[in-house]
Amino acid sequence: MYRAVCVVLCACLLLPALRCENLLCYYCPLQSNGEVCRPVLSECPPQEVCSTARGRNGGRVVLSQQSCLAKHECHLEYVIKYKGTNVTVSHSCCDWHYCNSGSRITVHSALFALAVATTIILPAWAS
């Protein structure tokens, strides 16, 4: 019985990331920094990676966005007009599932949960 629970736990932790070949990333449209956005999970098209964009004006972040982005656009910066001022937008890209969560805690929590599950499952599996 314990082994069956361990197998189900492993499947629940690993299968969501294995169900598709493309990256799973979060999406929130470009918006004023500090606005509340409930990110939507999306599957990136082939050759795209997860991205977090920041728009800065005078060193202060005024815009943010989460999305998928073509790999070759990851290091590009561009200037847009926002509320009458110039804002420089840059992207930070990553290439693993859910990596643009916007919260390092989320990623670290997932890794911690996987480590704990492995610690529990491996000894049980070996016995």
N, C-alpha and C. Protein backbone atom coordinates (compact mmCIF):
# COMPACT_ATOMS: atom_id res chain seq x y z
N MET A 1 0.82 -1.20 0.00
CA MET A 1 0.00 0.00 0.00
C MET A 1 0.87 1.26 0.00
N TYR A 2 1.92 1.24 0.82
CA TYR A 2 2.80 2.40 0.92
C TYR A 2 3.46 2.68 -0.42
N ARG A 3 3.89 1.61 -1.13
CA ARG A 3 4.50 1.79 -2.45
C ARG A 3 3.52 2.40 -3.44
N ALA A 4 2.27 1.99 -3.37
CA ALA A 4 1.27 2.53 -4.28
C ALA A 4 1.09 4.02 -4.04
N VAL A 5 1.07 4.43 -2.79
CA VAL A 5 0.95 5.86 -2.46
C VAL A 5 2.17 6.61 -2.99
N CYS A 6 3.34 6.02 -2.85
CA CYS A 6 4.58 6.64 -3.34
C CYS A 6 4.55 6.81 -4.86
N VAL A 7 4.07 5.82 -5.57
CA VAL A 7 3.99 5.89 -7.03
C VAL A 7 3.01 6.99 -7.44
N VAL A 8 1.87 7.06 -6.78
CA VAL A 8 0.88 8.10 -7.10
C VAL A 8 1.46 9.48 -6.80
N LEU A 9 2.16 9.63 -5.69
CA LEU A 9 2.78 10.90 -5.34
C LEU A 9 3.80 11.32 -6.39
N CYS A 10 4.64 10.40 -6.82
CA CYS A 10 5.63 10.70 -7.86
C CYS A 10 4.94 11.11 -9.15
N ALA A 11 3.89 10.40 -9.51
CA ALA A 11 3.16 10.72 -10.74
C ALA A 11 2.57 12.12 -10.66
N CYS A 12 2.02 12.46 -9.53
CA CYS A 12 1.41 13.79 -9.38
C CYS A 12 2.45 14.90 -9.46
N LEU A 13 3.66 14.63 -8.96
CA LEU A 13 4.70 15.63 -8.97
C LEU A 13 5.38 15.77 -10.33
N LEU A 14 5.52 14.67 -11.05
CA LEU A 14 6.31 14.69 -12.27
C LEU A 14 5.51 14.77 -13.56
N LEU A 15 4.34 14.21 -13.62
CA LEU A 15 3.60 14.15 -14.87
C LEU A 15 3.19 15.51 -15.44
N PRO A 16 2.81 16.48 -14.65
CA PRO A 16 2.44 17.76 -15.27
C PRO A 16 3.56 18.35 -16.13
N ALA A 17 4.79 18.19 -15.72
CA ALA A 17 5.91 18.72 -16.49
C ALA A 17 6.23 17.87 -17.70
N LEU A 18 5.82 16.61 -17.71
CA LEU A 18 6.14 15.70 -18.80
C LEU A 18 5.05 15.60 -19.85
N ARG A 19 3.90 16.22 -19.64
CA ARG A 19 2.77 16.02 -20.52
C ARG A 19 2.90 16.71 -21.87
N CYS A 20 3.83 17.64 -22.00
CA CYS A 20 4.00 18.31 -23.29
C CYS A 20 5.48 18.57 -23.54
N GLU A 21 5.80 18.80 -24.80
CA GLU A 21 7.19 19.07 -25.16
C GLU A 21 7.54 20.54 -24.99
N ASN A 22 6.55 21.41 -25.06
CA ASN A 22 6.81 22.84 -24.95
C ASN A 22 6.79 23.26 -23.49
N LEU A 23 7.42 24.39 -23.24
CA LEU A 23 7.47 24.91 -21.87
C LEU A 23 6.11 25.38 -21.38
N LEU A 24 5.89 25.18 -20.11
CA LEU A 24 4.71 25.73 -19.44
C LEU A 24 5.17 26.95 -18.67
N CYS A 25 4.57 28.09 -18.98
CA CYS A 25 4.97 29.36 -18.38
C CYS A 25 3.73 30.13 -17.93
N TYR A 26 3.97 31.13 -17.12
CA TYR A 26 2.88 31.98 -16.67
C TYR A 26 2.72 33.18 -17.60
N TYR A 27 1.49 33.66 -17.74
CA TYR A 27 1.21 34.83 -18.57
C TYR A 27 0.43 35.87 -17.78
N CYS A 28 0.94 37.09 -17.82
CA CYS A 28 0.24 38.28 -17.35
C CYS A 28 0.60 39.37 -18.34
N PRO A 29 -0.36 40.15 -18.81
CA PRO A 29 -0.06 41.17 -19.80
C PRO A 29 0.81 42.28 -19.23
N LEU A 30 1.41 43.06 -20.11
CA LEU A 30 2.20 44.21 -19.69
C LEU A 30 1.28 45.18 -18.94
N GLN A 31 1.65 45.51 -17.72
CA GLN A 31 0.80 46.34 -16.87
C GLN A 31 1.65 47.13 -15.90
N SER A 32 1.03 48.10 -15.28
CA SER A 32 1.73 48.91 -14.27
C SER A 32 2.23 48.01 -13.16
N ASN A 33 3.47 48.24 -12.75
CA ASN A 33 4.05 47.45 -11.68
C ASN A 33 3.23 47.66 -10.40
N GLY A 34 2.95 46.61 -9.71
CA GLY A 34 2.16 46.71 -8.50
C GLY A 34 0.70 46.36 -8.71
N GLU A 35 0.22 46.38 -9.96
CA GLU A 35 -1.15 45.95 -10.22
C GLU A 35 -1.25 44.45 -9.99
N VAL A 36 -2.38 44.02 -9.50
CA VAL A 36 -2.58 42.60 -9.21
C VAL A 36 -2.97 41.88 -10.49
N CYS A 37 -2.25 40.84 -10.81
CA CYS A 37 -2.57 40.01 -11.96
C CYS A 37 -2.51 38.56 -11.51
N ARG A 38 -3.55 37.84 -11.80
CA ARG A 38 -3.54 36.40 -11.51
C ARG A 38 -2.99 35.71 -12.75
N PRO A 39 -1.74 35.25 -12.69
CA PRO A 39 -1.12 34.67 -13.88
C PRO A 39 -1.90 33.45 -14.38
N VAL A 40 -1.94 33.34 -15.70
CA VAL A 40 -2.59 32.21 -16.36
C VAL A 40 -1.49 31.28 -16.85
N LEU A 41 -1.63 30.01 -16.59
CA LEU A 41 -0.66 29.04 -17.07
C LEU A 41 -0.85 28.86 -18.57
N SER A 42 0.23 28.96 -19.33
CA SER A 42 0.13 28.80 -20.78
C SER A 42 1.26 27.92 -21.28
N GLU A 43 1.03 27.31 -22.43
CA GLU A 43 2.05 26.49 -23.08
C GLU A 43 2.69 27.33 -24.17
N CYS A 44 4.00 27.45 -24.12
CA CYS A 44 4.70 28.25 -25.12
C CYS A 44 4.75 27.52 -26.45
N PRO A 45 4.74 28.28 -27.54
CA PRO A 45 4.96 27.67 -28.85
C PRO A 45 6.39 27.11 -28.92
N PRO A 46 6.65 26.23 -29.88
CA PRO A 46 8.02 25.72 -30.04
C PRO A 46 9.01 26.87 -30.23
N GLN A 47 10.21 26.69 -29.75
CA GLN A 47 11.29 27.67 -29.86
C GLN A 47 11.09 28.91 -29.00
N GLU A 48 10.13 28.88 -28.09
CA GLU A 48 9.96 30.00 -27.17
C GLU A 48 10.26 29.55 -25.75
N VAL A 49 10.64 30.50 -24.92
CA VAL A 49 10.98 30.25 -23.53
C VAL A 49 10.13 31.15 -22.64
N CYS A 50 10.18 30.92 -21.34
CA CYS A 50 9.46 31.75 -20.39
C CYS A 50 10.19 33.08 -20.24
N SER A 51 9.43 34.14 -20.05
CA SER A 51 10.03 35.47 -19.94
C SER A 51 9.33 36.28 -18.86
N THR A 52 10.11 37.10 -18.20
CA THR A 52 9.59 38.12 -17.30
C THR A 52 10.14 39.44 -17.80
N ALA A 53 9.27 40.36 -18.12
CA ALA A 53 9.69 41.67 -18.63
C ALA A 53 9.53 42.71 -17.54
N ARG A 54 10.45 43.66 -17.53
CA ARG A 54 10.41 44.79 -16.61
C ARG A 54 10.59 46.06 -17.41
N GLY A 55 9.74 47.03 -17.17
CA GLY A 55 9.88 48.33 -17.80
C GLY A 55 10.38 49.32 -16.76
N ARG A 56 11.51 49.96 -17.05
CA ARG A 56 12.12 50.86 -16.09
C ARG A 56 12.14 52.29 -16.61
N ASN A 57 11.93 53.20 -15.67
CA ASN A 57 12.04 54.63 -15.94
C ASN A 57 12.88 55.22 -14.83
N GLY A 58 14.07 55.68 -15.17
CA GLY A 58 14.96 56.24 -14.14
C GLY A 58 15.36 55.23 -13.09
N GLY A 59 15.53 53.98 -13.46
CA GLY A 59 15.95 52.95 -12.52
C GLY A 59 14.81 52.35 -11.71
N ARG A 60 13.62 52.92 -11.83
CA ARG A 60 12.46 52.43 -11.09
C ARG A 60 11.61 51.56 -12.01
N VAL A 61 11.22 50.38 -11.53
CA VAL A 61 10.37 49.48 -12.32
C VAL A 61 8.94 50.03 -12.31
N VAL A 62 8.40 50.30 -13.51
CA VAL A 62 7.05 50.85 -13.61
C VAL A 62 6.09 49.92 -14.35
N LEU A 63 6.64 48.95 -15.11
CA LEU A 63 5.83 47.98 -15.84
C LEU A 63 6.38 46.58 -15.62
N SER A 64 5.50 45.60 -15.72
CA SER A 64 5.95 44.21 -15.63
C SER A 64 5.05 43.33 -16.50
N GLN A 65 5.58 42.18 -16.88
CA GLN A 65 4.87 41.24 -17.72
C GLN A 65 5.48 39.85 -17.57
N GLN A 66 4.64 38.83 -17.68
CA GLN A 66 5.09 37.45 -17.74
C GLN A 66 4.52 36.86 -19.02
N SER A 67 5.35 36.12 -19.77
CA SER A 67 4.88 35.58 -21.03
C SER A 67 5.88 34.58 -21.59
N CYS A 68 5.58 34.11 -22.81
CA CYS A 68 6.52 33.33 -23.59
C CYS A 68 7.18 34.29 -24.57
N LEU A 69 8.41 33.99 -24.96
CA LEU A 69 9.14 34.89 -25.85
C LEU A 69 10.10 34.06 -26.71
N ALA A 70 10.26 34.44 -27.95
CA ALA A 70 11.22 33.78 -28.83
C ALA A 70 12.62 33.92 -28.22
N LYS A 71 13.39 32.85 -28.27
CA LYS A 71 14.72 32.84 -27.64
C LYS A 71 15.59 34.00 -28.11
N HIS A 72 15.54 34.32 -29.40
CA HIS A 72 16.42 35.36 -29.93
C HIS A 72 16.03 36.77 -29.46
N GLU A 73 14.88 36.93 -28.83
CA GLU A 73 14.44 38.24 -28.34
C GLU A 73 14.75 38.46 -26.86
N CYS A 74 15.30 37.45 -26.21
CA CYS A 74 15.50 37.52 -24.77
C CYS A 74 16.40 38.66 -24.30
N HIS A 75 17.39 39.01 -25.08
CA HIS A 75 18.35 40.01 -24.61
C HIS A 75 18.13 41.37 -25.26
N LEU A 76 17.00 41.53 -25.94
CA LEU A 76 16.71 42.82 -26.57
C LEU A 76 16.07 43.77 -25.57
N GLU A 77 16.39 45.04 -25.72
CA GLU A 77 15.73 46.09 -24.95
C GLU A 77 15.05 47.02 -25.94
N TYR A 78 13.93 47.58 -25.54
CA TYR A 78 13.26 48.55 -26.39
C TYR A 78 12.61 49.60 -25.52
N VAL A 79 12.36 50.74 -26.13
CA VAL A 79 11.78 51.87 -25.41
C VAL A 79 10.34 52.07 -25.89
N ILE A 80 9.42 52.22 -24.93
CA ILE A 80 8.02 52.51 -25.25
C ILE A 80 7.60 53.77 -24.51
N LYS A 81 6.54 54.38 -24.98
CA LYS A 81 5.95 55.52 -24.27
C LYS A 81 4.88 54.98 -23.33
N TYR A 82 4.95 55.40 -22.07
CA TYR A 82 3.96 55.00 -21.07
C TYR A 82 3.64 56.21 -20.22
N LYS A 83 2.38 56.65 -20.28
CA LYS A 83 1.94 57.84 -19.54
C LYS A 83 2.84 59.04 -19.79
N GLY A 84 3.23 59.19 -21.07
CA GLY A 84 4.01 60.34 -21.46
C GLY A 84 5.50 60.27 -21.18
N THR A 85 5.98 59.17 -20.64
CA THR A 85 7.41 59.04 -20.36
C THR A 85 7.98 57.85 -21.12
N ASN A 86 9.28 57.89 -21.36
CA ASN A 86 9.96 56.78 -22.01
C ASN A 86 10.27 55.70 -20.97
N VAL A 87 9.92 54.48 -21.32
CA VAL A 87 10.16 53.33 -20.44
C VAL A 87 11.00 52.33 -21.21
N THR A 88 12.11 51.89 -20.63
CA THR A 88 12.97 50.89 -21.24
C THR A 88 12.54 49.51 -20.75
N VAL A 89 12.14 48.66 -21.70
CA VAL A 89 11.65 47.31 -21.37
C VAL A 89 12.74 46.30 -21.68
N SER A 90 13.04 45.44 -20.71
CA SER A 90 14.01 44.36 -20.91
C SER A 90 13.39 43.06 -20.42
N HIS A 91 13.90 41.95 -20.94
CA HIS A 91 13.37 40.64 -20.62
C HIS A 91 14.41 39.80 -19.89
N SER A 92 13.92 38.99 -18.99
CA SER A 92 14.72 37.97 -18.33
C SER A 92 14.09 36.64 -18.70
N CYS A 93 14.84 35.76 -19.37
CA CYS A 93 14.28 34.50 -19.87
C CYS A 93 14.83 33.31 -19.10
N CYS A 94 14.06 32.24 -19.10
CA CYS A 94 14.47 30.99 -18.48
C CYS A 94 13.82 29.85 -19.26
N ASP A 95 14.37 28.65 -19.12
CA ASP A 95 13.91 27.57 -19.98
C ASP A 95 13.53 26.28 -19.24
N TRP A 96 12.82 26.42 -18.13
CA TRP A 96 12.26 25.26 -17.47
C TRP A 96 10.83 25.60 -17.06
N HIS A 97 10.02 24.58 -16.88
CA HIS A 97 8.60 24.77 -16.60
C HIS A 97 8.39 25.69 -15.39
N TYR A 98 7.45 26.61 -15.53
CA TYR A 98 6.99 27.50 -14.46
C TYR A 98 8.06 28.46 -13.94
N CYS A 99 9.16 28.63 -14.66
CA CYS A 99 10.29 29.41 -14.13
C CYS A 99 10.02 30.90 -14.07
N ASN A 100 9.00 31.39 -14.76
CA ASN A 100 8.71 32.83 -14.68
C ASN A 100 7.55 33.10 -13.72
N SER A 101 7.52 32.34 -12.65
CA SER A 101 6.42 32.45 -11.68
C SER A 101 6.37 33.80 -11.00
N GLY A 102 7.48 34.52 -11.02
CA GLY A 102 7.49 35.82 -10.37
C GLY A 102 7.82 35.72 -8.91
N SER A 103 7.91 34.50 -8.44
CA SER A 103 8.22 34.30 -7.03
C SER A 103 9.25 33.19 -6.89
N ARG A 104 10.40 33.54 -6.40
CA ARG A 104 11.43 32.52 -6.19
C ARG A 104 10.95 31.50 -5.16
N ILE A 105 10.09 31.94 -4.28
CA ILE A 105 9.57 31.03 -3.26
C ILE A 105 8.81 29.88 -3.92
N THR A 106 8.04 30.19 -4.95
CA THR A 106 7.27 29.15 -5.63
C THR A 106 8.19 28.11 -6.22
N VAL A 107 9.23 28.55 -6.93
CA VAL A 107 10.16 27.61 -7.54
C VAL A 107 10.89 26.83 -6.46
N HIS A 108 11.39 27.53 -5.45
CA HIS A 108 12.11 26.85 -4.39
C HIS A 108 11.19 25.93 -3.60
N SER A 109 9.96 26.31 -3.41
CA SER A 109 9.01 25.45 -2.71
C SER A 109 8.77 24.17 -3.48
N ALA A 110 8.67 24.28 -4.79
CA ALA A 110 8.47 23.09 -5.62
C ALA A 110 9.68 22.17 -5.54
N LEU A 111 10.88 22.75 -5.60
CA LEU A 111 12.09 21.94 -5.49
C LEU A 111 12.20 21.31 -4.10
N PHE A 112 11.82 22.06 -3.09
CA PHE A 112 11.85 21.53 -1.73
C PHE A 112 10.87 20.37 -1.59
N ALA A 113 9.67 20.53 -2.14
CA ALA A 113 8.66 19.47 -2.08
C ALA A 113 9.16 18.22 -2.80
N LEU A 114 9.82 18.41 -3.93
CA LEU A 114 10.36 17.27 -4.67
C LEU A 114 11.46 16.58 -3.87
N ALA A 115 12.31 17.36 -3.22
CA ALA A 115 13.38 16.79 -2.40
C ALA A 115 12.80 16.01 -1.21
N VAL A 116 11.78 16.57 -0.56
CA VAL A 116 11.15 15.88 0.56
C VAL A 116 10.49 14.59 0.09
N ALA A 117 9.78 14.66 -1.02
CA ALA A 117 9.11 13.48 -1.55
C ALA A 117 10.13 12.40 -1.90
N THR A 118 11.24 12.79 -2.49
CA THR A 118 12.29 11.82 -2.84
C THR A 118 12.87 11.20 -1.58
N THR A 119 13.08 12.01 -0.56
CA THR A 119 13.62 11.50 0.70
C THR A 119 12.68 10.48 1.34
N ILE A 120 11.39 10.71 1.21
CA ILE A 120 10.40 9.79 1.78
C ILE A 120 10.23 8.55 0.91
N ILE A 121 10.20 8.76 -0.40
CA ILE A 121 9.87 7.67 -1.31
C ILE A 121 11.02 6.68 -1.48
N LEU A 122 12.24 7.15 -1.66
CA LEU A 122 13.33 6.23 -1.92
C LEU A 122 13.55 5.19 -0.84
N PRO A 123 13.59 5.58 0.43
CA PRO A 123 13.76 4.55 1.46
C PRO A 123 12.58 3.56 1.47
N ALA A 124 11.38 4.05 1.25
CA ALA A 124 10.21 3.17 1.25
C ALA A 124 10.26 2.23 0.06
N TRP A 125 10.72 2.74 -1.07
CA TRP A 125 10.78 1.92 -2.29
C TRP A 125 11.81 0.81 -2.12
N ALA A 126 12.91 1.11 -1.46
CA ALA A 126 13.99 0.13 -1.30
C ALA A 126 13.63 -0.97 -0.30
N SER A 127 12.71 -0.69 0.60
CA SER A 127 12.39 -1.71 1.62
C SER A 127 11.39 -2.74 1.14
